[in-house]
Amino acid sequence: MLAKQKNAAPSNPLQISSPPRLDQNRHMILLFIHTVFLEGGFIMARDYEIKHAFMNAMRRDPRQGVIVTTQEFVHQLELLNWHFSLREANQWIKTNTVTFRDASTQEGEAKTYRQFNPNGGI
């Protein structure tokens, strides 16, 4: 009779005695797949939705014309699964609009932007 070896492989070839070690990238990919496909996933926001959120945040003020507040813009973004800080929203407005200027009456990140006529009209 042969004596059993202490460090012998398991009798079932499909049985794993210890879990395999995954590198960080592979672990993140598996976590992503688990999140998206097994737990219902999440909705990826799209870039064009930012412009739609900005347009939905526009309000007509009888004294100032068309205005957008940073708070309303951030609120509209959150409805579309975008999460901007007030600073990020202000930066987006400054870089992506040409007819809106800061018309805030107080300091801070909570700003009010007013649309102006770039053609020099009334």
Protein backbone atom coordinates (compact mmCIF):
# COMPACT_ATOMS: atom_id res chain seq x y z
CA MET A 1 0.00 0.00 0.00
CA LEU A 2 1.11 3.49 -0.80
CA ALA A 3 0.97 6.12 1.87
CA LYS A 4 -0.91 9.32 1.05
CA GLN A 5 1.23 12.39 0.61
CA LYS A 6 0.47 15.37 2.82
CA ASN A 7 0.67 17.99 0.03
CA ALA A 8 -1.09 16.00 -2.64
CA ALA A 9 -3.45 17.72 -5.06
CA PRO A 10 -7.18 17.40 -4.36
CA SER A 11 -8.83 14.31 -5.78
CA ASN A 12 -11.36 16.40 -7.71
CA PRO A 13 -9.51 18.39 -10.42
CA LEU A 14 -12.21 21.11 -10.38
CA GLN A 15 -11.86 21.74 -6.68
CA ILE A 16 -9.63 24.65 -5.76
CA SER A 17 -7.92 24.39 -2.43
CA SER A 18 -7.28 28.13 -2.10
CA PRO A 19 -8.85 31.06 -4.00
CA PRO A 20 -6.74 32.39 -6.85
CA ARG A 21 -5.09 35.76 -6.34
CA LEU A 22 -6.28 38.39 -8.78
CA ASP A 23 -4.31 41.43 -9.77
CA GLN A 24 -6.00 44.80 -9.15
CA ASN A 25 -7.11 45.41 -12.75
CA ARG A 26 -8.74 42.03 -13.12
CA HIS A 27 -10.45 42.45 -9.77
CA MET A 28 -11.88 45.82 -10.86
CA ILE A 29 -13.15 44.35 -14.15
CA LEU A 30 -14.89 41.51 -12.34
CA LEU A 31 -16.41 43.97 -9.86
CA PHE A 32 -17.69 46.08 -12.77
CA ILE A 33 -19.22 43.03 -14.49
CA HIS A 34 -20.83 41.96 -11.21
CA THR A 35 -22.26 45.44 -10.63
CA VAL A 36 -23.61 45.92 -14.15
CA PHE A 37 -24.94 42.50 -15.00
CA LEU A 38 -25.79 40.83 -11.70
CA GLU A 39 -27.02 43.71 -9.54
CA GLY A 40 -28.94 45.63 -12.16
CA GLY A 41 -26.12 48.00 -12.96
CA PHE A 42 -26.17 51.73 -13.24
CA ILE A 43 -26.99 54.24 -15.95
CA MET A 44 -24.05 55.92 -17.60
CA ALA A 45 -24.74 59.60 -18.19
CA ARG A 46 -24.01 60.97 -21.64
CA ASP A 47 -22.28 64.25 -22.55
CA TYR A 48 -25.19 65.75 -24.47
CA GLU A 49 -27.28 65.56 -21.29
CA ILE A 50 -25.19 68.33 -19.74
CA LYS A 51 -26.38 70.78 -22.39
CA HIS A 52 -29.99 69.65 -21.88
CA ALA A 53 -29.64 70.15 -18.12
CA PHE A 54 -28.30 73.66 -18.74
CA MET A 55 -31.23 74.48 -21.02
CA ASN A 56 -33.69 73.11 -18.44
CA ALA A 57 -32.09 75.30 -15.77
CA MET A 58 -32.79 78.51 -17.74
CA ARG A 59 -35.42 80.78 -16.22
CA ARG A 60 -36.92 84.02 -17.55
CA ASP A 61 -36.71 86.88 -15.09
CA PRO A 62 -38.75 90.01 -15.96
CA ARG A 63 -35.94 92.37 -14.85
CA GLN A 64 -32.83 90.45 -15.95
CA GLY A 65 -33.98 88.42 -18.96
CA VAL A 66 -32.85 84.79 -19.20
CA ILE A 67 -30.88 83.63 -16.15
CA VAL A 68 -29.31 80.39 -14.93
CA THR A 69 -28.30 79.77 -11.35
CA THR A 70 -25.55 77.32 -10.53
CA GLN A 71 -27.76 75.58 -7.96
CA GLU A 72 -30.54 74.97 -10.50
CA PHE A 73 -28.03 73.73 -13.08
CA VAL A 74 -26.57 71.25 -10.56
CA HIS A 75 -30.11 70.12 -9.63
CA GLN A 76 -30.98 69.49 -13.30
CA LEU A 77 -27.71 67.57 -13.74
CA GLU A 78 -28.50 65.32 -10.78
CA LEU A 79 -31.85 64.43 -12.35
CA LEU A 80 -29.82 63.07 -15.30
CA ASN A 81 -27.33 61.14 -13.12
CA TRP A 82 -24.53 63.71 -13.35
CA HIS A 83 -22.94 64.83 -10.09
CA PHE A 84 -21.22 68.20 -10.41
CA SER A 85 -20.05 70.42 -7.60
CA LEU A 86 -20.91 74.12 -7.79
CA ARG A 87 -17.34 74.83 -8.87
CA GLU A 88 -17.48 72.22 -11.68
CA ALA A 89 -20.82 73.61 -12.87
CA ASN A 90 -19.41 77.16 -12.94
CA GLN A 91 -16.40 75.95 -14.91
CA TRP A 92 -18.63 74.17 -17.43
CA ILE A 93 -20.75 77.31 -17.92
CA LYS A 94 -17.66 79.48 -18.44
CA THR A 95 -16.11 77.12 -20.99
CA ASN A 96 -19.17 75.97 -22.91
CA THR A 97 -21.36 79.04 -23.21
CA VAL A 98 -20.68 82.33 -24.96
CA THR A 99 -23.82 84.35 -24.31
CA PHE A 100 -23.96 83.98 -20.52
CA ARG A 101 -22.04 86.22 -18.11
CA ASP A 102 -21.75 86.21 -14.35
CA ALA A 103 -24.37 88.53 -12.83
CA SER A 104 -23.97 87.41 -9.22
CA THR A 105 -24.51 89.94 -6.45
CA GLN A 106 -22.59 87.97 -3.82
CA GLU A 107 -19.28 86.11 -3.54
CA GLY A 108 -18.99 82.32 -3.57
CA GLU A 109 -19.66 79.41 -5.88
CA ALA A 110 -23.45 79.93 -5.97
CA LYS A 111 -23.55 82.17 -9.01
CA THR A 112 -26.22 83.63 -11.27
CA TYR A 113 -25.52 83.91 -14.99
CA ARG A 114 -27.43 86.30 -17.27
CA GLN A 115 -27.78 85.95 -21.02
CA PHE A 116 -26.67 88.99 -23.00
CA ASN A 117 -27.01 89.97 -26.63
CA PRO A 118 -23.61 89.41 -28.28
CA ASN A 119 -24.62 91.44 -31.36
CA GLY A 120 -24.81 94.73 -29.50
CA GLY A 121 -28.58 95.03 -29.93
CA ILE A 122 -31.06 96.51 -27.52
